[in-house]
Amino acid sequence: LDVVDLSFDTGQKIEVYVAMDHDTRSHGLRGFKELDVDGMLFYFPSPSSAPFTMEGMSMDLDIAWFDRTGKLIDHGT
């Protein structure tokens, strides 16, 4: 999986896997027991309302949605 560093306006930096294509997005983090990065970024080339599921996950997850400029739109609880 590709890994990128993300920087936020707050100064926070995180390292994430990037799911760029349908197959990688569909698989997500399923099967991971632990992560050696901070999470996964699901990239969609255009605005999307794709559903997400936590099926097959062995760890707690948080989810957030950002627009194309990086602005936080919404986050799950």
PDB file of N, CA and C in Angstrom:
ATOM      1  N   LEU A   1       0.831  -1.193   0.000  1.00  0.00           N
ATOM      2  CA  LEU A   1       0.000   0.000   0.000  1.00  0.00           C
ATOM      3  C   LEU A   1       0.869   1.248   0.000  1.00  0.00           C
ATOM      4  N   ASP A   2       0.428   2.276  -0.735  1.00  0.00           N
ATOM      5  CA  ASP A   2       1.129   3.554  -0.731  1.00  0.00           C
ATOM      6  C   ASP A   2       0.899   4.256   0.600  1.00  0.00           C
ATOM      7  N   VAL A   3       1.892   4.981   1.062  1.00  0.00           N
ATOM      8  CA  VAL A   3       1.808   5.734   2.311  1.00  0.00           C
ATOM      9  C   VAL A   3       2.108   7.200   2.004  1.00  0.00           C
ATOM     10  N   VAL A   4       1.310   8.100   2.594  1.00  0.00           N
ATOM     11  CA  VAL A   4       1.555   9.543   2.453  1.00  0.00           C
ATOM     12  C   VAL A   4       1.527  10.198   3.826  1.00  0.00           C
ATOM     13  N   ASP A   5       2.201  11.326   3.918  1.00  0.00           N
ATOM     14  CA  ASP A   5       2.164  12.159   5.118  1.00  0.00           C
ATOM     15  C   ASP A   5       1.171  13.279   4.878  1.00  0.00           C
ATOM     16  N   LEU A   6       0.274  13.490   5.820  1.00  0.00           N
ATOM     17  CA  LEU A   6      -0.711  14.573   5.733  1.00  0.00           C
ATOM     18  C   LEU A   6      -0.406  15.603   6.806  1.00  0.00           C
ATOM     19  N   SER A   7      -0.487  16.873   6.439  1.00  0.00           N
ATOM     20  CA  SER A   7      -0.290  17.972   7.380  1.00  0.00           C
ATOM     21  C   SER A   7      -1.574  18.783   7.450  1.00  0.00           C
ATOM     22  N   PHE A   8      -1.949  19.173   8.652  1.00  0.00           N
ATOM     23  CA  PHE A   8      -3.178  19.931   8.871  1.00  0.00           C
ATOM     24  C   PHE A   8      -2.855  21.357   9.289  1.00  0.00           C
ATOM     25  N   ASP A   9      -3.823  22.251   9.122  1.00  0.00           N
ATOM     26  CA  ASP A   9      -3.647  23.659   9.504  1.00  0.00           C
ATOM     27  C   ASP A   9      -3.268  23.805  10.972  1.00  0.00           C
ATOM     28  N   THR A  10      -3.647  22.847  11.791  1.00  0.00           N
ATOM     29  CA  THR A  10      -3.350  22.893  13.220  1.00  0.00           C
ATOM     30  C   THR A  10      -1.892  22.567  13.514  1.00  0.00           C
ATOM     31  N   GLY A  11      -1.159  22.103  12.485  1.00  0.00           N
ATOM     32  CA  GLY A  11       0.222  21.692  12.673  1.00  0.00           C
ATOM     33  C   GLY A  11       0.367  20.193  12.879  1.00  0.00           C
ATOM     34  N   GLN A  12      -0.757  19.512  13.086  1.00  0.00           N
ATOM     35  CA  GLN A  12      -0.715  18.059  13.274  1.00  0.00           C
ATOM     36  C   GLN A  12      -0.325  17.387  11.961  1.00  0.00           C
ATOM     37  N   LYS A  13       0.488  16.346  12.073  1.00  0.00           N
ATOM     38  CA  LYS A  13       0.891  15.553  10.915  1.00  0.00           C
ATOM     39  C   LYS A  13       0.585  14.087  11.197  1.00  0.00           C
ATOM     40  N   ILE A  14       0.092  13.394  10.188  1.00  0.00           N
ATOM     41  CA  ILE A  14      -0.169  11.963  10.319  1.00  0.00           C
ATOM     42  C   ILE A  14       0.345  11.247   9.069  1.00  0.00           C
ATOM     43  N   GLU A  15       0.610   9.969   9.218  1.00  0.00           N
ATOM     44  CA  GLU A  15       1.034   9.124   8.112  1.00  0.00           C
ATOM     45  C   GLU A  15      -0.068   8.091   7.875  1.00  0.00           C
ATOM     46  N   VAL A  16      -0.521   7.967   6.630  1.00  0.00           N
ATOM     47  CA  VAL A  16      -1.652   7.081   6.328  1.00  0.00           C
ATOM     48  C   VAL A  16      -1.395   6.248   5.075  1.00  0.00           C
ATOM     49  N   TYR A  17      -2.028   5.088   5.032  1.00  0.00           N
ATOM     50  CA  TYR A  17      -2.117   4.333   3.790  1.00  0.00           C
ATOM     51  C   TYR A  17      -3.109   5.052   2.891  1.00  0.00           C
ATOM     52  N   VAL A  18      -2.959   4.893   1.577  1.00  0.00           N
ATOM     53  CA  VAL A  18      -3.885   5.521   0.641  1.00  0.00           C
ATOM     54  C   VAL A  18      -4.566   4.448  -0.186  1.00  0.00           C
ATOM     55  N   ALA A  19      -5.902   4.467  -0.164  1.00  0.00           N
ATOM     56  CA  ALA A  19      -6.709   3.564  -0.991  1.00  0.00           C
ATOM     57  C   ALA A  19      -7.198   4.380  -2.187  1.00  0.00           C
ATOM     58  N   MET A  20      -6.540   4.193  -3.340  1.00  0.00           N
ATOM     59  CA  MET A  20      -6.808   5.024  -4.519  1.00  0.00           C
ATOM     60  C   MET A  20      -7.784   4.387  -5.501  1.00  0.00           C
ATOM     61  N   ASP A  21      -7.885   3.071  -5.499  1.00  0.00           N
ATOM     62  CA  ASP A  21      -8.729   2.415  -6.505  1.00  0.00           C
ATOM     63  C   ASP A  21      -9.847   1.627  -5.833  1.00  0.00           C
ATOM     64  N   HIS A  22     -10.790   1.164  -6.633  1.00  0.00           N
ATOM     65  CA  HIS A  22     -11.970   0.478  -6.108  1.00  0.00           C
ATOM     66  C   HIS A  22     -11.594  -0.737  -5.254  1.00  0.00           C
ATOM     67  N   ASP A  23     -10.687  -1.573  -5.739  1.00  0.00           N
ATOM     68  CA  ASP A  23     -10.332  -2.785  -5.002  1.00  0.00           C
ATOM     69  C   ASP A  23      -9.702  -2.467  -3.647  1.00  0.00           C
ATOM     70  N   THR A  24      -8.798  -1.502  -3.622  1.00  0.00           N
ATOM     71  CA  THR A  24      -8.149  -1.131  -2.366  1.00  0.00           C
ATOM     72  C   THR A  24      -9.153  -0.499  -1.412  1.00  0.00           C
ATOM     73  N   ARG A  25     -10.031   0.354  -1.931  1.00  0.00           N
ATOM     74  CA  ARG A  25     -11.071   0.958  -1.079  1.00  0.00           C
ATOM     75  C   ARG A  25     -12.012  -0.104  -0.544  1.00  0.00           C
ATOM     76  N   SER A  26     -12.363  -1.079  -1.367  1.00  0.00           N
ATOM     77  CA  SER A  26     -13.284  -2.145  -0.933  1.00  0.00           C
ATOM     78  C   SER A  26     -12.667  -2.999   0.175  1.00  0.00           C
ATOM     79  N   HIS A  27     -11.376  -3.246   0.081  1.00  0.00           N
ATOM     80  CA  HIS A  27     -10.700  -4.072   1.093  1.00  0.00           C
ATOM     81  C   HIS A  27     -10.424  -3.285   2.356  1.00  0.00           C
ATOM     82  N   GLY A  28     -10.050  -2.010   2.185  1.00  0.00           N
ATOM     83  CA  GLY A  28      -9.795  -1.139   3.335  1.00  0.00           C
ATOM     84  C   GLY A  28      -8.765  -1.712   4.277  1.00  0.00           C
ATOM     85  N   LEU A  29      -9.063  -1.673   5.560  1.00  0.00           N
ATOM     86  CA  LEU A  29      -8.161  -2.178   6.591  1.00  0.00           C
ATOM     87  C   LEU A  29      -8.565  -3.558   7.086  1.00  0.00           C
ATOM     88  N   ARG A  30      -9.458  -4.199   6.388  1.00  0.00           N
ATOM     89  CA  ARG A  30      -9.918  -5.531   6.784  1.00  0.00           C
ATOM     90  C   ARG A  30      -8.715  -6.466   6.913  1.00  0.00           C
ATOM     91  N   GLY A  31      -8.661  -7.193   8.005  1.00  0.00           N
ATOM     92  CA  GLY A  31      -7.600  -8.165   8.235  1.00  0.00           C
ATOM     93  C   GLY A  31      -6.391  -7.621   8.971  1.00  0.00           C
ATOM     94  N   PHE A  32      -6.285  -6.297   9.112  1.00  0.00           N
ATOM     95  CA  PHE A  32      -5.170  -5.735   9.868  1.00  0.00           C
ATOM     96  C   PHE A  32      -5.404  -5.979  11.354  1.00  0.00           C
ATOM     97  N   LYS A  33      -4.417  -6.456  12.049  1.00  0.00           N
ATOM     98  CA  LYS A  33      -4.493  -6.632  13.509  1.00  0.00           C
ATOM     99  C   LYS A  33      -4.025  -5.376  14.230  1.00  0.00           C
ATOM    100  N   GLU A  34      -3.091  -4.661  13.607  1.00  0.00           N
ATOM    101  CA  GLU A  34      -2.599  -3.388  14.123  1.00  0.00           C
ATOM    102  C   GLU A  34      -2.040  -2.607  12.937  1.00  0.00           C
ATOM    103  N   LEU A  35      -1.830  -1.321  13.141  1.00  0.00           N
ATOM    104  CA  LEU A  35      -1.325  -0.462  12.074  1.00  0.00           C
ATOM    105  C   LEU A  35       0.052   0.078  12.432  1.00  0.00           C
ATOM    106  N   ASP A  36       0.907   0.204  11.427  1.00  0.00           N
ATOM    107  CA  ASP A  36       2.201   0.842  11.633  1.00  0.00           C
ATOM    108  C   ASP A  36       2.175   2.282  11.121  1.00  0.00           C
ATOM    109  N   VAL A  37       0.983   2.757  10.758  1.00  0.00           N
ATOM    110  CA  VAL A  37       0.734   4.150  10.379  1.00  0.00           C
ATOM    111  C   VAL A  37      -0.487   4.619  11.168  1.00  0.00           C
ATOM    112  N   ASP A  38      -0.910   5.863  10.929  1.00  0.00           N
ATOM    113  CA  ASP A  38      -2.010   6.434  11.710  1.00  0.00           C
ATOM    114  C   ASP A  38      -3.398   6.086  11.189  1.00  0.00           C
ATOM    115  N   GLY A  39      -3.507   5.538   9.976  1.00  0.00           N
ATOM    116  CA  GLY A  39      -4.823   5.211   9.443  1.00  0.00           C
ATOM    117  C   GLY A  39      -4.797   5.012   7.942  1.00  0.00           C
ATOM    118  N   MET A  40      -5.958   5.210   7.322  1.00  0.00           N
ATOM    119  CA  MET A  40      -6.081   5.045   5.874  1.00  0.00           C
ATOM    120  C   MET A  40      -6.917   6.183   5.312  1.00  0.00           C
ATOM    121  N   LEU A  41      -6.452   6.723   4.208  1.00  0.00           N
ATOM    122  CA  LEU A  41      -7.171   7.747   3.456  1.00  0.00           C
ATOM    123  C   LEU A  41      -7.824   7.067   2.264  1.00  0.00           C
ATOM    124  N   PHE A  42      -9.131   7.200   2.147  1.00  0.00           N
ATOM    125  CA  PHE A  42      -9.869   6.650   1.012  1.00  0.00           C
ATOM    126  C   PHE A  42     -10.079   7.776   0.009  1.00  0.00           C
ATOM    127  N   TYR A  43      -9.345   7.740  -1.092  1.00  0.00           N
ATOM    128  CA  TYR A  43      -9.419   8.774  -2.108  1.00  0.00           C
ATOM    129  C   TYR A  43     -10.476   8.407  -3.153  1.00  0.00           C
ATOM    130  N   PHE A  44     -11.358   9.361  -3.437  1.00  0.00           N
ATOM    131  CA  PHE A  44     -12.342   9.214  -4.506  1.00  0.00           C
ATOM    132  C   PHE A  44     -12.093  10.350  -5.495  1.00  0.00           C
ATOM    133  N   PRO A  45     -12.012  10.056  -6.810  1.00  0.00           N
ATOM    134  CA  PRO A  45     -11.695  11.088  -7.793  1.00  0.00           C
ATOM    135  C   PRO A  45     -12.776  12.148  -7.956  1.00  0.00           C
ATOM    136  N   SER A  46     -13.982  11.862  -7.499  1.00  0.00           N
ATOM    137  CA  SER A  46     -15.065  12.838  -7.550  1.00  0.00           C
ATOM    138  C   SER A  46     -15.900  12.678  -6.287  1.00  0.00           C
ATOM    139  N   PRO A  47     -16.718  13.670  -5.936  1.00  0.00           N
ATOM    140  CA  PRO A  47     -17.554  13.549  -4.739  1.00  0.00           C
ATOM    141  C   PRO A  47     -18.324  12.232  -4.747  1.00  0.00           C
ATOM    142  N   SER A  48     -18.406  11.611  -3.585  1.00  0.00           N
ATOM    143  CA  SER A  48     -18.997  10.280  -3.484  1.00  0.00           C
ATOM    144  C   SER A  48     -19.812  10.151  -2.213  1.00  0.00           C
ATOM    145  N   SER A  49     -20.787   9.290  -2.256  1.00  0.00           N
ATOM    146  CA  SER A  49     -21.551   8.951  -1.053  1.00  0.00           C
ATOM    147  C   SER A  49     -21.411   7.452  -0.779  1.00  0.00           C
ATOM    148  N   ALA A  50     -20.216   6.928  -1.038  1.00  0.00           N
ATOM    149  CA  ALA A  50     -19.952   5.499  -0.850  1.00  0.00           C
ATOM    150  C   ALA A  50     -20.159   5.106   0.610  1.00  0.00           C
ATOM    151  N   PRO A  51     -20.832   3.989   0.850  1.00  0.00           N
ATOM    152  CA  PRO A  51     -21.029   3.527   2.223  1.00  0.00           C
ATOM    153  C   PRO A  51     -19.750   2.904   2.784  1.00  0.00           C
ATOM    154  N   PHE A  52     -19.586   2.963   4.079  1.00  0.00           N
ATOM    155  CA  PHE A  52     -18.452   2.333   4.752  1.00  0.00           C
ATOM    156  C   PHE A  52     -18.987   1.358   5.785  1.00  0.00           C
ATOM    157  N   THR A  53     -18.268   0.262   5.972  1.00  0.00           N
ATOM    158  CA  THR A  53     -18.624  -0.715   6.982  1.00  0.00           C
ATOM    159  C   THR A  53     -17.372  -1.064   7.778  1.00  0.00           C
ATOM    160  N   MET A  54     -17.548  -1.476   8.994  1.00  0.00           N
ATOM    161  CA  MET A  54     -16.424  -1.876   9.837  1.00  0.00           C
ATOM    162  C   MET A  54     -16.332  -3.403   9.914  1.00  0.00           C
ATOM    163  N   GLU A  55     -16.989  -4.090   9.003  1.00  0.00           N
ATOM    164  CA  GLU A  55     -16.999  -5.550   8.980  1.00  0.00           C
ATOM    165  C   GLU A  55     -15.578  -6.098   8.905  1.00  0.00           C
ATOM    166  N   GLY A  56     -15.297  -7.092   9.737  1.00  0.00           N
ATOM    167  CA  GLY A  56     -14.000  -7.749   9.721  1.00  0.00           C
ATOM    168  C   GLY A  56     -12.896  -6.971  10.410  1.00  0.00           C
ATOM    169  N   MET A  57     -13.248  -5.922  11.138  1.00  0.00           N
ATOM    170  CA  MET A  57     -12.228  -5.112  11.812  1.00  0.00           C
ATOM    171  C   MET A  57     -11.997  -5.624  13.231  1.00  0.00           C
ATOM    172  N   SER A  58     -10.731  -5.639  13.637  1.00  0.00           N
ATOM    173  CA  SER A  58     -10.391  -6.087  14.982  1.00  0.00           C
ATOM    174  C   SER A  58      -9.930  -4.934  15.860  1.00  0.00           C
ATOM    175  N   MET A  59     -10.086  -3.691  15.369  1.00  0.00           N
ATOM    176  CA  MET A  59      -9.707  -2.510  16.148  1.00  0.00           C
ATOM    177  C   MET A  59     -10.771  -1.433  15.998  1.00  0.00           C
ATOM    178  N   ASP A  60     -10.804  -0.535  16.958  1.00  0.00           N
ATOM    179  CA  ASP A  60     -11.738   0.583  16.883  1.00  0.00           C
ATOM    180  C   ASP A  60     -11.262   1.575  15.827  1.00  0.00           C
ATOM    181  N   LEU A  61     -12.220   2.182  15.127  1.00  0.00           N
ATOM    182  CA  LEU A  61     -11.894   3.146  14.071  1.00  0.00           C
ATOM    183  C   LEU A  61     -12.696   4.419  14.233  1.00  0.00           C
ATOM    184  N   ASP A  62     -12.131   5.502  13.781  1.00  0.00           N
ATOM    185  CA  ASP A  62     -12.829   6.772  13.617  1.00  0.00           C
ATOM    186  C   ASP A  62     -12.888   7.044  12.129  1.00  0.00           C
ATOM    187  N   ILE A  63     -13.889   7.786  11.689  1.00  0.00           N
ATOM    188  CA  ILE A  63     -14.025   8.109  10.275  1.00  0.00           C
ATOM    189  C   ILE A  63     -14.350   9.587  10.133  1.00  0.00           C
ATOM    190  N   ALA A  64     -13.804  10.201   9.085  1.00  0.00           N
ATOM    191  CA  ALA A  64     -14.053  11.614   8.815  1.00  0.00           C
ATOM    192  C   ALA A  64     -14.111  11.815   7.312  1.00  0.00           C
ATOM    193  N   TRP A  65     -14.859  12.829   6.888  1.00  0.00           N
ATOM    194  CA  TRP A  65     -14.990  13.163   5.468  1.00  0.00           C
ATOM    195  C   TRP A  65     -14.422  14.551   5.245  1.00  0.00           C
ATOM    196  N   PHE A  66     -13.613  14.690   4.185  1.00  0.00           N
ATOM    197  CA  PHE A  66     -12.992  15.955   3.828  1.00  0.00           C
ATOM    198  C   PHE A  66     -13.361  16.302   2.395  1.00  0.00           C
ATOM    199  N   ASP A  67     -13.431  17.594   2.093  1.00  0.00           N
ATOM    200  CA  ASP A  67     -13.673  17.992   0.704  1.00  0.00           C
ATOM    201  C   ASP A  67     -12.348  18.023  -0.049  1.00  0.00           C
ATOM    202  N   ARG A  68     -12.394  18.400  -1.315  1.00  0.00           N
ATOM    203  CA  ARG A  68     -11.189  18.360  -2.152  1.00  0.00           C
ATOM    204  C   ARG A  68     -10.121  19.349  -1.716  1.00  0.00           C
ATOM    205  N   THR A  69     -10.479  20.322  -0.868  1.00  0.00           N
ATOM    206  CA  THR A  69      -9.481  21.280  -0.373  1.00  0.00           C
ATOM    207  C   THR A  69      -8.871  20.835   0.960  1.00  0.00           C
ATOM    208  N   GLY A  70      -9.385  19.738   1.503  1.00  0.00           N
ATOM    209  CA  GLY A  70      -8.896  19.255   2.786  1.00  0.00           C
ATOM    210  C   GLY A  70      -9.706  19.730   3.976  1.00  0.00           C
ATOM    211  N   LYS A  71     -10.803  20.452   3.704  1.00  0.00           N
ATOM    212  CA  LYS A  71     -11.654  20.950   4.790  1.00  0.00           C
ATOM    213  C   LYS A  71     -12.493  19.796   5.346  1.00  0.00           C
ATOM    214  N   LEU A  72     -12.514  19.681   6.676  1.00  0.00           N
ATOM    215  CA  LEU A  72     -13.326  18.666   7.344  1.00  0.00           C
ATOM    216  C   LEU A  72     -14.796  18.968   7.122  1.00  0.00           C
ATOM    217  N   ILE A  73     -15.517  17.993   6.597  1.00  0.00           N
ATOM    218  CA  ILE A  73     -16.946  18.144   6.321  1.00  0.00           C
ATOM    219  C   ILE A  73     -17.779  17.513   7.435  1.00  0.00           C
ATOM    220  N   ASP A  74     -17.405  16.312   7.850  1.00  0.00           N
ATOM    221  CA  ASP A  74     -18.174  15.571   8.855  1.00  0.00           C
ATOM    222  C   ASP A  74     -17.262  14.500   9.450  1.00  0.00           C
ATOM    223  N   HIS A  75     -17.658  14.001  10.610  1.00  0.00           N
ATOM    224  CA  HIS A  75     -16.921  12.885  11.201  1.00  0.00           C
ATOM    225  C   HIS A  75     -17.878  11.990  11.968  1.00  0.00           C
ATOM    226  N   GLY A  76     -17.550  10.733  12.006  1.00  0.00           N
ATOM    227  CA  GLY A  76     -18.358   9.757  12.739  1.00  0.00           C
ATOM    228  C   GLY A  76     -17.999   9.791  14.209  1.00  0.00           C
ATOM    229  N   THR A  77     -18.833   9.161  14.993  1.00  0.00           N
ATOM    230  CA  THR A  77     -18.561   9.116  16.427  1.00  0.00           C
ATOM    231  C   THR A  77     -18.310   7.710  16.875  1.00  0.00           C
TER     232      THR A  77
END
